[in-house]
Amino acid sequence: MRSSYLQIAFLSFYKSSARLLYIPLKKNESLSRELESLFPRNLIHDPHHTLDGMLVLKCFFCSAFQTPIEYDMRVHLMEIHKMGLVTQLPLRGKGFDMDYRIRFVIDIMRRKKPQEFYDHRTAKFVPSHN
């Protein structure tokens, strides 16, 4: 029997540390669909909707993190997927530092089809846990 909660490591930008969140799963929705529909809570604080129309970057490694803000994706990749950046990319040899690897992965995310663009009216956010 599958648990009704999903444990995901999300990055808390407020305290600059990784933390685990428990996200309730809906009975009729698949696990991947549930993961793909959530945005980090820091995107709620966009009163002028300047993020609308920006390309949504979905994490190359876990698909559980998505954001239109490239810096947030860089931080997520560096904090959560540092080992994956070293071992799971087709970059071998010297000269590929972490910044290059992150740019490489973000470039792959930008080219991914179908592309999705951020819209504050349809965005769902990670639930807050106080």
N, C-alpha and C. Protein backbone atom coordinates (compact mmCIF):
# COMPACT_ATOMS: atom_id res chain seq x y z
N MET A 1 0.84 -1.18 0.00
CA MET A 1 0.00 0.00 0.00
C MET A 1 0.88 1.24 0.00
N ARG A 2 0.59 2.15 -0.91
CA ARG A 2 1.38 3.37 -1.03
C ARG A 2 0.97 4.39 0.01
N SER A 3 1.94 5.06 0.57
CA SER A 3 1.67 6.08 1.57
C SER A 3 0.90 7.23 0.95
N SER A 4 0.08 7.89 1.74
CA SER A 4 -0.69 9.02 1.23
C SER A 4 0.10 10.32 1.30
N TYR A 5 1.34 10.25 1.71
CA TYR A 5 2.20 11.43 1.75
C TYR A 5 3.48 11.14 1.00
N LEU A 6 4.00 12.15 0.34
CA LEU A 6 5.25 12.04 -0.39
C LEU A 6 6.30 12.87 0.31
N GLN A 7 7.43 12.28 0.54
CA GLN A 7 8.51 12.98 1.21
C GLN A 7 9.46 13.51 0.14
N ILE A 8 9.64 14.82 0.12
CA ILE A 8 10.47 15.46 -0.89
C ILE A 8 11.45 16.40 -0.20
N ALA A 9 12.67 16.44 -0.70
CA ALA A 9 13.65 17.39 -0.19
C ALA A 9 13.52 18.67 -1.01
N PHE A 10 13.07 19.73 -0.38
CA PHE A 10 12.99 21.04 -1.01
C PHE A 10 13.96 21.96 -0.30
N LEU A 11 14.38 22.98 -1.00
CA LEU A 11 15.31 23.93 -0.43
C LEU A 11 14.53 25.10 0.15
N SER A 12 14.79 25.41 1.38
CA SER A 12 14.16 26.57 2.01
C SER A 12 15.07 27.77 1.77
N PHE A 13 14.64 28.71 0.94
CA PHE A 13 15.47 29.86 0.61
C PHE A 13 15.52 30.85 1.75
N TYR A 14 14.55 30.80 2.63
CA TYR A 14 14.53 31.71 3.76
C TYR A 14 15.66 31.40 4.74
N LYS A 15 15.91 30.14 5.00
CA LYS A 15 16.94 29.75 5.96
C LYS A 15 18.16 29.16 5.28
N SER A 16 18.17 29.12 3.94
CA SER A 16 19.28 28.60 3.14
C SER A 16 19.70 27.19 3.55
N SER A 17 18.74 26.33 3.75
CA SER A 17 19.06 24.95 4.09
C SER A 17 18.01 24.03 3.48
N ALA A 18 18.40 22.81 3.26
CA ALA A 18 17.46 21.83 2.71
C ALA A 18 16.57 21.31 3.84
N ARG A 19 15.32 21.01 3.50
CA ARG A 19 14.42 20.43 4.48
C ARG A 19 13.47 19.49 3.77
N LEU A 20 12.90 18.59 4.53
CA LEU A 20 11.95 17.64 3.96
C LEU A 20 10.53 18.16 4.16
N LEU A 21 9.74 18.03 3.11
CA LEU A 21 8.33 18.40 3.18
C LEU A 21 7.50 17.16 2.90
N TYR A 22 6.39 17.05 3.56
CA TYR A 22 5.47 15.95 3.33
C TYR A 22 4.28 16.50 2.58
N ILE A 23 4.09 16.03 1.37
CA ILE A 23 3.05 16.53 0.50
C ILE A 23 1.95 15.48 0.40
N PRO A 24 0.71 15.85 0.73
CA PRO A 24 -0.37 14.87 0.62
C PRO A 24 -0.66 14.54 -0.84
N LEU A 25 -0.83 13.27 -1.13
CA LEU A 25 -1.13 12.83 -2.49
C LEU A 25 -2.63 12.68 -2.67
N LYS A 26 -3.11 13.09 -3.83
CA LYS A 26 -4.51 12.89 -4.16
C LYS A 26 -4.69 11.47 -4.65
N LYS A 27 -5.82 10.86 -4.37
CA LYS A 27 -6.05 9.46 -4.70
C LYS A 27 -6.12 9.20 -6.20
N ASN A 28 -6.66 10.13 -6.97
CA ASN A 28 -6.88 9.89 -8.39
C ASN A 28 -5.74 10.38 -9.28
N GLU A 29 -4.72 10.98 -8.70
CA GLU A 29 -3.65 11.52 -9.50
C GLU A 29 -2.39 10.68 -9.33
N SER A 30 -1.64 10.54 -10.40
CA SER A 30 -0.41 9.75 -10.33
C SER A 30 0.66 10.53 -9.58
N LEU A 31 1.67 9.82 -9.13
CA LEU A 31 2.75 10.42 -8.37
C LEU A 31 3.48 11.47 -9.19
N SER A 32 3.82 11.17 -10.44
CA SER A 32 4.57 12.12 -11.26
C SER A 32 3.73 13.37 -11.54
N ARG A 33 2.45 13.21 -11.71
CA ARG A 33 1.56 14.35 -11.97
C ARG A 33 1.52 15.26 -10.75
N GLU A 34 1.48 14.66 -9.56
CA GLU A 34 1.46 15.43 -8.32
C GLU A 34 2.76 16.22 -8.16
N LEU A 35 3.88 15.61 -8.48
CA LEU A 35 5.17 16.27 -8.36
C LEU A 35 5.30 17.43 -9.33
N GLU A 36 4.83 17.25 -10.54
CA GLU A 36 5.00 18.26 -11.57
C GLU A 36 4.11 19.47 -11.37
N SER A 37 3.16 19.42 -10.49
CA SER A 37 2.20 20.50 -10.38
C SER A 37 2.52 21.49 -9.26
N LEU A 38 3.65 21.35 -8.58
CA LEU A 38 3.96 22.21 -7.44
C LEU A 38 5.11 23.16 -7.72
N PHE A 39 4.96 24.40 -7.24
CA PHE A 39 6.01 25.41 -7.32
C PHE A 39 6.47 25.74 -5.90
N PRO A 40 7.71 26.23 -5.74
CA PRO A 40 8.16 26.64 -4.40
C PRO A 40 7.35 27.84 -3.91
N ARG A 41 7.21 27.96 -2.60
CA ARG A 41 6.35 28.99 -2.02
C ARG A 41 6.88 30.40 -2.23
N ASN A 42 8.16 30.58 -2.50
CA ASN A 42 8.66 31.94 -2.67
C ASN A 42 8.07 32.63 -3.90
N LEU A 43 7.48 31.87 -4.84
CA LEU A 43 6.88 32.48 -6.02
C LEU A 43 5.52 33.11 -5.72
N ILE A 44 4.96 32.83 -4.56
CA ILE A 44 3.68 33.44 -4.18
C ILE A 44 3.86 34.95 -4.02
N HIS A 45 5.03 35.37 -3.60
CA HIS A 45 5.29 36.78 -3.31
C HIS A 45 5.72 37.51 -4.59
N ASP A 46 4.82 37.60 -5.53
CA ASP A 46 5.04 38.28 -6.81
C ASP A 46 3.82 39.16 -7.09
N PRO A 47 3.67 40.28 -6.35
CA PRO A 47 2.44 41.05 -6.43
C PRO A 47 2.15 41.65 -7.81
N HIS A 48 3.17 41.92 -8.60
CA HIS A 48 2.96 42.52 -9.92
C HIS A 48 2.98 41.49 -11.04
N HIS A 49 3.06 40.21 -10.68
CA HIS A 49 3.03 39.09 -11.63
C HIS A 49 4.10 39.24 -12.71
N THR A 50 5.30 39.62 -12.30
CA THR A 50 6.40 39.78 -13.25
C THR A 50 6.92 38.43 -13.76
N LEU A 51 6.61 37.35 -13.07
CA LEU A 51 7.07 36.02 -13.50
C LEU A 51 6.19 35.41 -14.58
N ASP A 52 5.00 35.96 -14.77
CA ASP A 52 4.08 35.40 -15.78
C ASP A 52 4.73 35.43 -17.17
N GLY A 53 4.61 34.32 -17.87
CA GLY A 53 5.16 34.21 -19.21
C GLY A 53 6.60 33.72 -19.27
N MET A 54 7.24 33.57 -18.11
CA MET A 54 8.63 33.06 -18.10
C MET A 54 8.63 31.55 -18.26
N LEU A 55 9.65 31.03 -18.90
CA LEU A 55 9.80 29.59 -19.09
C LEU A 55 10.00 28.90 -17.74
N VAL A 56 9.25 27.85 -17.50
CA VAL A 56 9.37 27.07 -16.26
C VAL A 56 10.49 26.05 -16.45
N LEU A 57 11.45 26.06 -15.53
CA LEU A 57 12.54 25.08 -15.54
C LEU A 57 12.16 23.95 -14.59
N LYS A 58 12.09 22.73 -15.10
CA LYS A 58 11.81 21.55 -14.27
C LYS A 58 13.11 20.82 -14.04
N CYS A 59 13.35 20.43 -12.80
CA CYS A 59 14.61 19.79 -12.43
C CYS A 59 14.89 18.58 -13.31
N PHE A 60 16.09 18.53 -13.83
CA PHE A 60 16.55 17.46 -14.71
C PHE A 60 16.65 16.14 -13.97
N PHE A 61 16.95 16.18 -12.68
CA PHE A 61 17.20 14.97 -11.91
C PHE A 61 15.97 14.42 -11.20
N CYS A 62 15.16 15.29 -10.60
CA CYS A 62 14.07 14.78 -9.76
C CYS A 62 12.67 15.16 -10.25
N SER A 63 12.54 16.11 -11.11
CA SER A 63 11.24 16.61 -11.61
C SER A 63 10.32 17.06 -10.49
N ALA A 64 10.78 17.09 -9.26
CA ALA A 64 9.96 17.53 -8.14
C ALA A 64 10.09 19.02 -7.89
N PHE A 65 11.08 19.64 -8.47
CA PHE A 65 11.30 21.07 -8.27
C PHE A 65 11.16 21.75 -9.61
N GLN A 66 10.37 22.81 -9.64
CA GLN A 66 10.22 23.60 -10.86
C GLN A 66 10.09 25.05 -10.48
N THR A 67 10.65 25.92 -11.31
CA THR A 67 10.62 27.34 -11.05
C THR A 67 10.96 28.09 -12.33
N PRO A 68 10.42 29.30 -12.50
CA PRO A 68 10.84 30.12 -13.64
C PRO A 68 12.10 30.92 -13.34
N ILE A 69 12.56 30.90 -12.09
CA ILE A 69 13.73 31.68 -11.69
C ILE A 69 14.98 30.82 -11.79
N GLU A 70 15.89 31.22 -12.68
CA GLU A 70 17.08 30.42 -12.93
C GLU A 70 17.96 30.31 -11.70
N TYR A 71 18.10 31.38 -10.92
CA TYR A 71 18.93 31.33 -9.73
C TYR A 71 18.42 30.29 -8.74
N ASP A 72 17.10 30.21 -8.56
CA ASP A 72 16.53 29.21 -7.66
C ASP A 72 16.86 27.80 -8.13
N MET A 73 16.83 27.59 -9.45
CA MET A 73 17.18 26.27 -9.99
C MET A 73 18.66 25.98 -9.76
N ARG A 74 19.51 26.99 -9.93
CA ARG A 74 20.95 26.80 -9.69
C ARG A 74 21.20 26.37 -8.25
N VAL A 75 20.55 27.04 -7.31
CA VAL A 75 20.72 26.71 -5.89
C VAL A 75 20.21 25.30 -5.62
N HIS A 76 19.05 24.95 -6.18
CA HIS A 76 18.50 23.60 -5.99
C HIS A 76 19.47 22.55 -6.51
N LEU A 77 20.01 22.75 -7.71
CA LEU A 77 20.93 21.78 -8.28
C LEU A 77 22.19 21.64 -7.44
N MET A 78 22.72 22.76 -6.99
CA MET A 78 23.96 22.73 -6.21
C MET A 78 23.76 22.09 -4.84
N GLU A 79 22.63 22.38 -4.19
CA GLU A 79 22.40 21.88 -2.84
C GLU A 79 21.88 20.44 -2.81
N ILE A 80 21.00 20.08 -3.72
CA ILE A 80 20.33 18.79 -3.67
C ILE A 80 20.99 17.76 -4.60
N HIS A 81 21.46 18.18 -5.75
CA HIS A 81 21.93 17.23 -6.77
C HIS A 81 23.42 17.39 -7.11
N LYS A 82 24.22 17.78 -6.15
CA LYS A 82 25.65 17.98 -6.41
C LYS A 82 26.31 16.70 -6.92
N MET A 83 26.03 15.57 -6.32
CA MET A 83 26.63 14.32 -6.75
C MET A 83 26.14 13.93 -8.15
N GLY A 84 24.87 14.16 -8.43
CA GLY A 84 24.34 13.86 -9.76
C GLY A 84 24.97 14.71 -10.84
N LEU A 85 25.32 15.95 -10.51
CA LEU A 85 26.00 16.82 -11.47
C LEU A 85 27.37 16.27 -11.85
N VAL A 86 27.98 15.56 -10.93
CA VAL A 86 29.31 15.01 -11.18
C VAL A 86 29.23 13.65 -11.87
N THR A 87 28.30 12.80 -11.46
CA THR A 87 28.31 11.42 -11.94
C THR A 87 27.34 11.11 -13.08
N GLN A 88 26.25 11.86 -13.22
CA GLN A 88 25.22 11.48 -14.17
C GLN A 88 25.21 12.27 -15.48
N LEU A 89 26.18 13.12 -15.68
CA LEU A 89 26.23 13.90 -16.92
C LEU A 89 27.29 13.32 -17.86
N PRO A 90 27.11 13.49 -19.17
CA PRO A 90 28.09 12.95 -20.12
C PRO A 90 29.31 13.85 -20.28
N LEU A 91 29.78 14.44 -19.19
CA LEU A 91 30.95 15.31 -19.20
C LEU A 91 32.09 14.58 -18.50
N ARG A 92 33.09 14.19 -19.23
CA ARG A 92 34.21 13.44 -18.66
C ARG A 92 35.49 14.25 -18.82
N GLY A 93 36.42 14.02 -17.93
CA GLY A 93 37.71 14.68 -18.01
C GLY A 93 37.76 15.95 -17.19
N LYS A 94 38.86 16.67 -17.36
CA LYS A 94 39.08 17.89 -16.60
C LYS A 94 38.44 19.09 -17.31
N GLY A 95 38.25 20.16 -16.56
CA GLY A 95 37.76 21.40 -17.15
C GLY A 95 36.27 21.62 -17.03
N PHE A 96 35.56 20.71 -16.42
CA PHE A 96 34.12 20.87 -16.26
C PHE A 96 33.81 21.13 -14.79
N ASP A 97 33.90 22.40 -14.38
CA ASP A 97 33.62 22.72 -12.98
C ASP A 97 32.11 22.72 -12.74
N MET A 98 31.71 22.93 -11.50
CA MET A 98 30.30 22.84 -11.13
C MET A 98 29.45 23.90 -11.83
N ASP A 99 29.98 25.10 -12.01
CA ASP A 99 29.22 26.14 -12.71
C ASP A 99 28.93 25.74 -14.15
N TYR A 100 29.92 25.15 -14.80
CA TYR A 100 29.70 24.68 -16.17
C TYR A 100 28.65 23.57 -16.21
N ARG A 101 28.74 22.66 -15.28
CA ARG A 101 27.79 21.54 -15.22
C ARG A 101 26.36 22.05 -14.97
N ILE A 102 26.22 23.03 -14.10
CA ILE A 102 24.90 23.61 -13.84
C ILE A 102 24.36 24.31 -15.08
N ARG A 103 25.21 25.08 -15.76
CA ARG A 103 24.78 25.74 -17.00
C ARG A 103 24.38 24.71 -18.05
N PHE A 104 25.11 23.61 -18.12
CA PHE A 104 24.83 22.53 -19.07
C PHE A 104 23.43 21.94 -18.81
N VAL A 105 23.13 21.65 -17.55
CA VAL A 105 21.84 21.07 -17.19
C VAL A 105 20.71 22.07 -17.42
N ILE A 106 20.91 23.33 -17.07
CA ILE A 106 19.86 24.34 -17.28
C ILE A 106 19.60 24.53 -18.76
N ASP A 107 20.64 24.45 -19.58
CA ASP A 107 20.45 24.54 -21.03
C ASP A 107 19.60 23.37 -21.53
N ILE A 108 19.82 22.18 -21.00
CA ILE A 108 18.99 21.02 -21.36
C ILE A 108 17.54 21.28 -20.95
N MET A 109 17.33 21.83 -19.75
CA MET A 109 15.97 22.11 -19.27
C MET A 109 15.26 23.11 -20.17
N ARG A 110 16.00 24.11 -20.65
CA ARG A 110 15.39 25.12 -21.53
C ARG A 110 14.96 24.54 -22.87
N ARG A 111 15.68 23.54 -23.36
CA ARG A 111 15.39 22.94 -24.67
C ARG A 111 14.33 21.84 -24.61
N LYS A 112 13.99 21.43 -23.41
CA LYS A 112 13.03 20.34 -23.23
C LYS A 112 11.67 20.70 -23.81
N LYS A 113 11.05 19.76 -24.46
CA LYS A 113 9.72 19.95 -25.04
C LYS A 113 8.74 19.03 -24.34
N PRO A 114 7.50 19.36 -24.18
CA PRO A 114 6.91 20.66 -24.48
C PRO A 114 7.30 21.69 -23.42
N GLN A 115 7.43 22.92 -23.85
CA GLN A 115 7.78 23.99 -22.93
C GLN A 115 6.55 24.46 -22.18
N GLU A 116 6.75 24.82 -20.94
CA GLU A 116 5.66 25.32 -20.10
C GLU A 116 6.05 26.71 -19.61
N PHE A 117 5.08 27.61 -19.59
CA PHE A 117 5.33 28.98 -19.15
C PHE A 117 4.53 29.27 -17.89
N TYR A 118 5.13 30.04 -17.00
CA TYR A 118 4.54 30.31 -15.69
C TYR A 118 3.31 31.20 -15.82
N ASP A 119 2.27 30.87 -15.07
CA ASP A 119 1.06 31.66 -15.00
C ASP A 119 0.57 31.61 -13.56
N HIS A 120 0.52 32.76 -12.89
CA HIS A 120 0.16 32.80 -11.48
C HIS A 120 -1.27 32.31 -11.22
N ARG A 121 -2.14 32.36 -12.22
CA ARG A 121 -3.53 31.96 -12.03
C ARG A 121 -3.70 30.45 -11.93
N THR A 122 -2.77 29.69 -12.51
CA THR A 122 -2.90 28.23 -12.50
C THR A 122 -1.84 27.53 -11.64
N ALA A 123 -0.91 28.28 -11.07
CA ALA A 123 0.19 27.68 -10.30
C ALA A 123 -0.29 27.13 -8.97
N LYS A 124 0.22 25.95 -8.63
CA LYS A 124 -0.02 25.35 -7.31
C LYS A 124 1.30 25.35 -6.57
N PHE A 125 1.25 25.58 -5.27
CA PHE A 125 2.48 25.74 -4.50
C PHE A 125 2.62 24.65 -3.45
N VAL A 126 3.86 24.45 -3.03
CA VAL A 126 4.15 23.50 -1.96
C VAL A 126 3.43 23.99 -0.70
N PRO A 127 2.73 23.11 -0.01
CA PRO A 127 2.01 23.54 1.21
C PRO A 127 2.99 24.00 2.28
N SER A 128 2.58 25.01 3.02
CA SER A 128 3.44 25.51 4.10
C SER A 128 3.27 24.63 5.33
N HIS A 129 4.37 24.38 6.01
CA HIS A 129 4.36 23.58 7.24
C HIS A 129 5.00 24.43 8.32
N ASN A 130 4.20 24.87 9.24
CA ASN A 130 4.71 25.74 10.31
C ASN A 130 5.15 24.94 11.50
